[in-house]
N, C-alpha and C. Protein backbone atom coordinates (compact mmCIF):
# COMPACT_ATOMS: atom_id res chain seq x y z
N MET A 1 50.08 -1.93 18.04
CA MET A 1 49.69 -1.07 16.55
C MET A 1 47.98 -1.26 16.48
N PHE A 2 47.43 -0.05 16.11
CA PHE A 2 45.86 -0.19 15.60
C PHE A 2 45.66 0.58 14.71
N ILE A 3 44.04 0.26 13.91
CA ILE A 3 43.40 0.90 13.15
C ILE A 3 42.04 1.22 13.53
N SER A 4 42.07 2.52 13.26
CA SER A 4 40.53 3.11 13.69
C SER A 4 39.56 2.97 12.35
N GLY A 5 38.58 3.22 12.66
CA GLY A 5 37.57 3.46 11.39
C GLY A 5 37.06 1.78 10.83
N ALA A 6 36.13 2.02 10.21
CA ALA A 6 35.22 1.10 9.84
C ALA A 6 34.89 1.34 8.30
N GLY A 7 34.23 0.16 7.67
CA GLY A 7 33.76 0.12 6.20
C GLY A 7 34.77 0.22 4.95
N PRO A 8 34.20 0.28 4.01
CA PRO A 8 35.29 -0.03 2.54
C PRO A 8 36.50 0.85 3.09
N ALA A 9 37.80 0.04 2.37
CA ALA A 9 38.56 0.55 2.26
C ALA A 9 39.44 1.57 1.13
N LEU A 10 39.05 2.61 1.05
CA LEU A 10 39.32 3.87 0.71
C LEU A 10 40.62 4.11 0.29
N PHE A 11 41.47 3.40 1.25
CA PHE A 11 43.02 3.57 0.66
C PHE A 11 43.88 2.25 0.39
N SER A 12 43.38 2.32 -0.96
CA SER A 12 43.55 0.03 -1.52
C SER A 12 45.25 0.15 -1.52
N ALA A 13 46.27 0.88 -1.52
CA ALA A 13 47.79 0.97 -1.16
C ALA A 13 47.77 0.05 0.12
N SER A 14 48.24 -1.07 0.08
CA SER A 14 48.47 -1.91 1.02
C SER A 14 50.22 -1.46 2.06
N ILE A 15 49.86 -0.64 2.93
CA ILE A 15 51.05 -0.06 3.63
C ILE A 15 51.44 -1.24 4.13
N GLU A 16 52.66 -1.56 4.08
CA GLU A 16 53.62 -2.95 5.43
C GLU A 16 54.52 -2.14 5.77
N TRP A 17 55.17 -2.36 7.11
CA TRP A 17 56.14 -1.61 6.95
C TRP A 17 56.58 -3.11 7.46
N GLN A 18 58.18 -3.24 7.64
CA GLN A 18 59.47 -4.21 7.92
C GLN A 18 59.55 -4.91 9.18
N LYS A 19 58.88 -3.74 10.27
CA LYS A 19 58.57 -4.24 11.62
C LYS A 19 57.50 -4.30 12.41
N ASN A 20 57.64 -5.07 12.58
CA ASN A 20 56.34 -4.78 14.18
C ASN A 20 54.74 -4.82 13.36
N CYS A 21 54.54 -5.21 12.13
CA CYS A 21 53.20 -4.82 11.28
C CYS A 21 52.61 -5.84 10.84
N GLU A 22 51.67 -5.60 10.69
CA GLU A 22 50.41 -6.21 10.30
C GLU A 22 50.36 -6.21 8.33
N SER A 23 50.67 -6.57 7.64
CA SER A 23 50.60 -6.63 6.34
C SER A 23 49.20 -6.41 5.86
N GLY A 24 48.53 -5.44 5.07
CA GLY A 24 47.72 -5.00 4.10
C GLY A 24 46.11 -4.91 5.04
N CYS A 25 46.33 -3.87 6.51
CA CYS A 25 45.24 -3.13 7.16
C CYS A 25 45.44 -1.94 6.85
N THR A 26 44.43 -1.55 5.58
CA THR A 26 44.27 -0.21 5.71
C THR A 26 42.64 0.42 5.77
N ALA A 27 42.01 -0.55 6.24
CA ALA A 27 40.53 0.26 6.42
C ALA A 27 39.83 1.39 6.77
N GLN A 28 39.34 2.25 6.38
CA GLN A 28 38.74 3.51 6.92
C GLN A 28 37.36 3.80 6.55
N ASN A 29 37.01 4.40 7.28
CA ASN A 29 35.40 4.92 6.31
C ASN A 29 35.21 6.18 5.97
N GLY A 30 36.53 6.98 5.54
CA GLY A 30 36.39 8.37 4.57
C GLY A 30 35.90 9.44 5.54
N LYS A 31 35.87 9.71 6.54
CA LYS A 31 35.43 10.77 7.30
C LYS A 31 36.72 11.58 7.18
N ARG A 32 36.57 12.93 7.19
CA ARG A 32 37.66 13.82 7.30
C ARG A 32 38.72 13.70 8.17
N GLY A 33 40.11 13.23 8.26
CA GLY A 33 40.67 13.44 9.56
C GLY A 33 40.81 11.72 10.14
N GLN A 34 40.39 10.80 9.16
CA GLN A 34 40.78 9.70 9.62
C GLN A 34 41.87 9.19 9.59
N ARG A 35 41.60 8.33 10.70
CA ARG A 35 42.99 7.67 11.06
C ARG A 35 43.34 6.74 9.87
N LEU A 36 44.04 6.43 9.51
CA LEU A 36 44.76 5.17 8.35
C LEU A 36 45.09 3.80 8.97
N LYS A 37 45.91 4.21 9.77
CA LYS A 37 47.07 3.34 10.71
C LYS A 37 47.85 4.41 11.49
N SER A 38 48.39 3.72 12.44
CA SER A 38 49.19 4.02 13.17
C SER A 38 50.52 2.74 13.43
N HIS A 39 51.73 2.87 13.66
CA HIS A 39 52.99 1.88 13.92
C HIS A 39 53.75 2.69 14.63
N GLU A 40 53.97 1.74 15.76
CA GLU A 40 55.34 1.50 16.45
C GLU A 40 56.44 0.97 16.29
N SER A 41 57.70 1.02 15.68
CA SER A 41 58.61 0.17 15.21
C SER A 41 59.31 -0.64 16.60
N THR A 42 60.18 -1.16 16.23
CA THR A 42 60.71 -2.14 17.07
C THR A 42 61.66 -1.13 18.43
N PRO A 43 61.52 -1.26 19.17
CA PRO A 43 62.18 -0.74 20.61
C PRO A 43 63.75 -0.32 19.74
N GLY A 44 64.38 -0.88 19.20
CA GLY A 44 65.98 0.03 18.97
C GLY A 44 65.18 0.82 17.52
N SER A 45 64.46 1.17 17.45
CA SER A 45 64.15 2.71 16.25
C SER A 45 63.85 3.74 16.91
N HIS A 46 62.95 3.44 17.95
CA HIS A 46 62.26 4.96 18.47
C HIS A 46 61.79 5.44 17.61
N LEU A 47 60.39 5.30 16.66
CA LEU A 47 59.56 5.95 15.92
C LEU A 47 58.40 5.39 15.72
N ALA A 48 57.23 6.18 15.50
CA ALA A 48 55.73 5.89 15.90
C ALA A 48 55.16 6.55 14.74
N ILE A 49 54.89 5.74 13.71
CA ILE A 49 54.20 6.61 12.58
C ILE A 49 53.11 6.64 12.20
N ALA A 50 52.37 7.43 11.88
CA ALA A 50 50.58 7.53 11.84
C ALA A 50 50.28 8.33 10.73
N VAL A 51 49.55 7.61 9.92
CA VAL A 51 48.83 7.88 8.55
C VAL A 51 47.32 8.26 8.99
N ASP A 52 47.32 9.79 8.39
CA ASP A 52 45.73 10.08 8.64
C ASP A 52 45.34 10.66 6.55
N ARG A 53 44.16 10.35 6.46
CA ARG A 53 43.96 10.83 5.18
C ARG A 53 42.39 11.29 5.14
N SER A 54 42.53 12.22 4.55
CA SER A 54 41.30 13.49 3.96
C SER A 54 41.05 13.73 2.79
N GLY A 55 40.56 12.67 2.65
CA GLY A 55 39.78 12.97 0.89
C GLY A 55 41.49 12.72 0.20
N MET A 56 42.12 14.10 -0.87
CA MET A 56 42.85 13.55 -1.51
C MET A 56 44.29 13.90 -0.72
N GLU A 57 44.00 14.01 0.65
CA GLU A 57 45.54 14.95 1.08
C GLU A 57 45.95 13.33 2.10
N VAL A 58 46.87 14.01 2.22
CA VAL A 58 47.54 12.13 3.38
C VAL A 58 48.64 13.45 4.27
N ILE A 59 48.25 12.90 5.43
CA ILE A 59 49.85 13.56 6.72
C ILE A 59 50.17 12.26 6.96
N VAL A 60 51.15 12.41 7.25
CA VAL A 60 52.48 10.99 7.89
C VAL A 60 53.12 11.87 8.72
N ARG A 61 52.20 11.42 9.77
CA ARG A 61 53.16 11.98 11.17
C ARG A 61 54.28 11.30 11.93
N LEU A 62 55.17 11.57 11.88
CA LEU A 62 56.56 10.52 12.16
C LEU A 62 56.95 11.66 14.14
N ASN A 63 57.01 10.04 14.98
CA ASN A 63 57.51 11.01 16.46
C ASN A 63 58.61 9.74 16.96
N GLY A 64 59.89 10.56 17.34
CA GLY A 64 60.56 9.84 17.82
C GLY A 64 61.54 9.95 16.82
N ARG A 65 62.87 9.04 16.91
CA ARG A 65 64.02 9.05 16.14
C ARG A 65 63.79 8.82 14.80
N ILE A 66 64.78 9.30 13.70
CA ILE A 66 64.62 8.67 11.94
C ILE A 66 66.33 8.56 12.02
N ASP A 67 66.33 6.91 12.01
CA ASP A 67 67.41 6.70 11.77
C ASP A 67 68.06 5.65 10.84
N VAL A 68 69.06 4.82 10.92
CA VAL A 68 69.24 3.85 10.07
C VAL A 68 68.41 2.80 9.87
N ASP A 69 67.51 2.92 11.31
CA ASP A 69 67.10 1.33 11.10
C ASP A 69 65.54 1.65 11.27
N SER A 70 64.93 3.13 11.32
CA SER A 70 63.53 3.64 10.91
C SER A 70 63.05 4.09 9.78
N SER A 71 64.27 4.63 9.30
CA SER A 71 64.09 4.95 7.35
C SER A 71 63.42 3.88 6.41
N PRO A 72 63.85 2.41 6.75
CA PRO A 72 63.22 1.55 5.85
C PRO A 72 61.66 1.84 6.35
N ASP A 73 61.06 2.01 7.25
CA ASP A 73 59.85 2.08 7.64
C ASP A 73 59.31 3.35 7.05
N ILE A 74 59.52 4.03 6.81
CA ILE A 74 58.96 5.48 6.64
C ILE A 74 59.24 5.05 5.18
N ARG A 75 60.37 4.60 4.65
CA ARG A 75 60.49 4.50 2.62
C ARG A 75 58.84 3.68 2.59
N ASP A 76 58.83 2.45 3.23
CA ASP A 76 57.37 1.82 2.94
C ASP A 76 56.34 2.48 2.96
N CYS A 77 56.04 3.39 3.98
CA CYS A 77 55.05 3.48 4.12
C CYS A 77 54.59 4.93 3.15
N LEU A 78 55.82 5.58 2.70
CA LEU A 78 55.54 6.99 1.81
C LEU A 78 55.53 6.21 0.23
N LEU A 79 55.97 5.21 0.17
CA LEU A 79 56.11 4.75 -1.17
C LEU A 79 54.59 4.13 -1.57
N ALA A 80 54.08 3.52 -0.33
CA ALA A 80 52.94 3.24 -0.57
C ALA A 80 51.68 3.95 -0.43
N ILE A 81 51.86 5.60 0.05
CA ILE A 81 50.43 6.23 -0.42
C ILE A 81 51.33 7.12 -1.80
N LEU A 82 52.24 6.68 -2.30
CA LEU A 82 52.72 7.78 -3.41
C LEU A 82 52.18 6.58 -4.63
N SER A 83 52.20 5.48 -4.28
CA SER A 83 52.01 4.60 -5.45
C SER A 83 51.23 3.49 -5.24
N GLY A 84 50.03 4.26 -4.85
CA GLY A 84 48.34 3.51 -4.27
C GLY A 84 47.50 3.39 -5.91
N LYS A 85 47.01 3.25 -5.58
CA LYS A 85 46.22 2.91 -6.64
C LYS A 85 44.97 4.11 -6.21
N GLN A 86 44.83 4.67 -5.20
CA GLN A 86 43.92 5.69 -4.97
C GLN A 86 44.41 6.96 -5.25
N SER A 87 44.02 8.35 -5.80
CA SER A 87 44.49 9.18 -6.39
C SER A 87 44.81 9.99 -4.82
N VAL A 88 46.12 10.62 -4.99
CA VAL A 88 46.49 11.68 -3.72
C VAL A 88 47.08 13.09 -4.68
N HIS A 89 46.78 14.15 -3.64
CA HIS A 89 46.94 15.49 -4.65
C HIS A 89 48.18 15.60 -3.32
N ALA A 90 48.15 15.44 -2.43
CA ALA A 90 49.30 15.90 -1.46
C ALA A 90 49.91 15.50 -0.42
N VAL A 91 51.15 15.08 -0.09
CA VAL A 91 51.17 14.37 1.37
C VAL A 91 52.03 15.12 1.96
N THR A 92 51.61 15.41 3.07
CA THR A 92 52.72 15.96 4.34
C THR A 92 53.14 15.39 5.03
N VAL A 93 54.60 15.14 5.31
CA VAL A 93 55.16 14.90 6.47
C VAL A 93 55.05 15.68 7.63
N ASP A 94 54.88 15.20 8.97
CA ASP A 94 54.79 16.10 10.18
C ASP A 94 55.71 15.68 10.80
N LEU A 95 57.25 16.50 10.55
CA LEU A 95 58.41 16.05 12.09
C LEU A 95 58.30 17.12 13.09
N SER A 96 57.17 17.43 13.47
CA SER A 96 56.75 18.21 14.98
C SER A 96 57.64 17.76 15.69
N ASP A 97 57.45 16.23 16.05
CA ASP A 97 58.09 15.27 16.75
C ASP A 97 59.23 14.43 16.97
N VAL A 98 59.62 14.59 15.54
CA VAL A 98 61.07 14.11 15.43
C VAL A 98 62.23 14.94 16.20
N ASN A 99 62.94 14.31 16.66
CA ASN A 99 63.98 15.04 18.18
C ASN A 99 65.40 14.54 17.27
N HIS A 100 65.89 13.40 16.02
CA HIS A 100 67.01 13.49 15.73
C HIS A 100 66.19 12.81 14.40
N ILE A 101 67.07 13.24 12.98
CA ILE A 101 67.14 12.59 11.88
C ILE A 101 68.58 12.45 10.99
N GLU A 102 68.78 11.26 10.79
CA GLU A 102 70.03 10.83 10.61
C GLU A 102 70.14 11.16 8.94
N ALA A 103 71.54 11.42 8.12
CA ALA A 103 71.46 11.17 6.74
C ALA A 103 70.22 10.12 5.67
N SER A 104 70.14 8.69 6.21
CA SER A 104 69.38 8.01 5.74
C SER A 104 68.12 8.51 5.94
N GLY A 105 67.66 9.29 6.66
CA GLY A 105 65.74 9.76 6.93
C GLY A 105 65.74 11.08 5.81
N ILE A 106 67.32 11.98 5.65
CA ILE A 106 66.92 12.72 4.65
C ILE A 106 66.64 12.00 3.17
N ALA A 107 67.37 10.45 3.04
CA ALA A 107 67.58 10.51 1.82
C ALA A 107 66.43 9.63 1.29
N THR A 108 65.48 9.08 2.72
CA THR A 108 64.21 8.81 2.38
C THR A 108 63.30 10.08 1.98
N LEU A 109 63.04 10.68 2.44
CA LEU A 109 62.36 12.00 2.35
C LEU A 109 62.45 12.69 0.58
N VAL A 110 63.75 12.47 0.07
CA VAL A 110 64.41 12.90 -0.97
C VAL A 110 63.60 12.13 -2.19
N GLU A 111 63.91 10.27 -1.91
CA GLU A 111 63.58 9.44 -2.70
C GLU A 111 62.36 9.80 -2.87
N ALA A 112 61.09 9.98 -1.77
CA ALA A 112 59.80 10.75 -1.68
C ALA A 112 59.29 11.40 -3.04
N LEU A 113 60.17 12.77 -2.42
CA LEU A 113 60.29 13.77 -3.58
C LEU A 113 60.19 13.61 -4.87
N LYS A 114 61.07 12.30 -5.51
CA LYS A 114 61.32 12.42 -6.41
C LYS A 114 60.38 11.38 -7.31
N ILE A 115 59.54 11.01 -6.09
CA ILE A 115 58.64 10.20 -6.74
C ILE A 115 56.83 10.62 -6.88
N ALA A 116 57.00 11.70 -6.02
CA ALA A 116 56.24 12.55 -5.82
C ALA A 116 56.11 13.42 -7.06
N GLY A 117 56.74 14.31 -7.56
CA GLY A 117 57.57 15.38 -9.14
C GLY A 117 56.54 14.53 -10.24
N PRO A 118 56.78 12.93 -10.69
CA PRO A 118 56.40 12.94 -11.61
C PRO A 118 54.80 12.51 -11.84
N ARG A 119 54.30 12.20 -10.20
CA ARG A 119 52.79 11.99 -10.23
C ARG A 119 52.09 13.04 -9.88
N GLN A 120 52.64 14.02 -9.69
CA GLN A 120 51.72 15.60 -9.60
C GLN A 120 51.30 15.36 -8.27
N ILE A 121 52.53 14.68 -7.27
CA ILE A 121 51.69 14.94 -6.17
C ILE A 121 52.76 15.65 -5.16
N ARG A 122 51.78 16.85 -4.39
CA ARG A 122 53.08 17.54 -3.94
C ARG A 122 53.22 17.15 -2.54
N LEU A 123 54.90 17.14 -2.05
CA LEU A 123 55.04 16.79 -0.86
C LEU A 123 55.65 17.95 -0.02
N HIS A 124 55.02 18.09 1.20
CA HIS A 124 55.32 18.93 2.23
C HIS A 124 56.04 18.68 3.20
N LEU A 125 56.67 19.14 3.98
CA LEU A 125 57.83 18.99 4.91
C LEU A 125 56.97 20.02 6.34
N GLN A 126 56.28 19.86 7.20
CA GLN A 126 55.87 20.35 8.28
C GLN A 126 56.68 20.06 10.03
N GLY A 127 57.18 21.10 10.43
CA GLY A 127 56.96 21.30 11.68
C GLY A 127 58.78 21.23 12.01
N LEU A 128 59.57 21.13 11.00
CA LEU A 128 61.27 21.69 10.77
C LEU A 128 60.97 22.57 11.83
N HIS A 129 62.15 21.96 12.88
CA HIS A 129 62.61 22.44 14.05
C HIS A 129 64.49 21.96 14.57
N GLY A 130 64.77 22.77 15.56
CA GLY A 130 66.66 22.47 15.98
C GLY A 130 67.06 21.93 14.82
N SER A 131 67.64 20.91 15.47
CA SER A 131 68.56 19.65 14.66
C SER A 131 68.36 19.68 13.25
N VAL A 132 67.14 19.04 13.98
CA VAL A 132 65.78 18.72 12.55
C VAL A 132 66.29 19.63 11.66
N LEU A 133 65.79 20.77 11.49
CA LEU A 133 66.21 21.57 10.48
C LEU A 133 67.28 22.18 10.20
N ARG A 134 68.46 22.64 11.13
CA ARG A 134 69.56 22.49 10.80
C ARG A 134 70.11 21.47 9.46
N LEU A 135 69.98 20.26 10.24
CA LEU A 135 70.42 19.42 8.40
C LEU A 135 69.77 19.53 7.38
N PHE A 136 68.62 19.82 7.30
CA PHE A 136 68.00 20.04 6.15
C PHE A 136 68.95 21.39 5.51
N GLU A 137 69.18 22.39 6.30
CA GLU A 137 69.77 23.03 5.62
C GLU A 137 71.33 23.71 5.55
N VAL A 138 72.04 22.57 6.44
CA VAL A 138 73.56 22.52 6.21
C VAL A 138 73.70 21.71 4.83
N THR A 139 72.60 20.58 4.72
CA THR A 139 72.93 19.41 3.46
C THR A 139 72.56 20.04 1.82
N GLY A 140 72.20 21.84 2.00
CA GLY A 140 71.44 22.16 1.41
C GLY A 140 70.07 21.48 0.20
N LEU A 141 69.37 21.04 1.28
CA LEU A 141 68.22 20.34 0.40
C LEU A 141 66.98 20.85 0.52
N LEU A 142 66.90 21.76 1.64
CA LEU A 142 65.93 22.57 2.09
C LEU A 142 64.95 23.22 0.96
N PRO A 143 65.75 23.73 0.55
CA PRO A 143 65.18 24.51 -0.96
C PRO A 143 63.76 23.84 -1.60
N LEU A 144 64.47 22.10 -1.97
CA LEU A 144 64.01 21.52 -2.70
C LEU A 144 62.26 21.01 -2.06
N PHE A 145 62.10 21.21 -1.17
CA PHE A 145 60.95 20.59 -0.82
C PHE A 145 59.76 21.74 -0.10
N GLU A 146 58.78 21.73 -0.25
CA GLU A 146 58.03 22.82 0.14
C GLU A 146 57.47 22.69 1.67
N THR A 147 57.62 23.90 2.53
CA THR A 147 57.51 23.08 3.88
C THR A 147 55.92 23.79 4.42
N ILE A 148 55.63 24.19 5.29
CA ILE A 148 54.37 24.45 6.04
C ILE A 148 55.06 24.82 7.57
N HIS A 149 54.72 25.99 8.08
CA HIS A 149 55.65 26.51 9.10
C HIS A 149 54.23 26.62 10.59
N SER A 150 53.08 27.03 10.21
CA SER A 150 52.29 26.58 10.97
C SER A 150 51.99 25.26 11.55
N GLY A 151 51.52 25.33 12.95
CA GLY A 151 50.99 24.30 13.74
C GLY A 151 50.30 22.91 12.88
N LYS A 152 49.29 23.27 11.76
CA LYS A 152 48.76 22.66 10.73
C LYS A 152 49.42 22.15 9.78
N GLY A 153 48.62 20.97 9.28
CA GLY A 153 49.31 20.25 8.22
C GLY A 153 47.97 21.16 7.07
N VAL A 154 47.80 20.70 5.37
CA VAL A 154 47.12 20.80 4.95
C VAL A 154 45.94 20.22 4.82
N VAL A 155 45.28 19.66 5.82
CA VAL A 155 44.43 18.75 5.92
C VAL A 155 43.82 19.66 7.29
């Protein structure tokens, strides 16, 4: 795991993940596109999470498999962002590098959407493709989410 950047902590919410992670380490210097945190879960979960913040927008980049083992990591990350003291206007979850998602991952994203709505935070999904897109379609949940089809996020 690594954290880049120095200076005052602009992202005051402590992002704590359950597996293989240090708690309370979110320092960054506020430059556009600054990486807040990157996390590699335990080998069994096969998921990497990277969080980038640019002003009032956050991108959560996921890489690997989203399953019952990795969903709690994603949940903790999104809850920390959505319930943080610092104002956030938009959160983009980039699924471009996700090769598999299970129902637990979809449930985690729906939970984040329910939290974001009342706080007037826009939650976007980016990079839906293949079997990941198909699962959103067959569950009928795709229309609930704002999607970004380009290779670039809101940042």
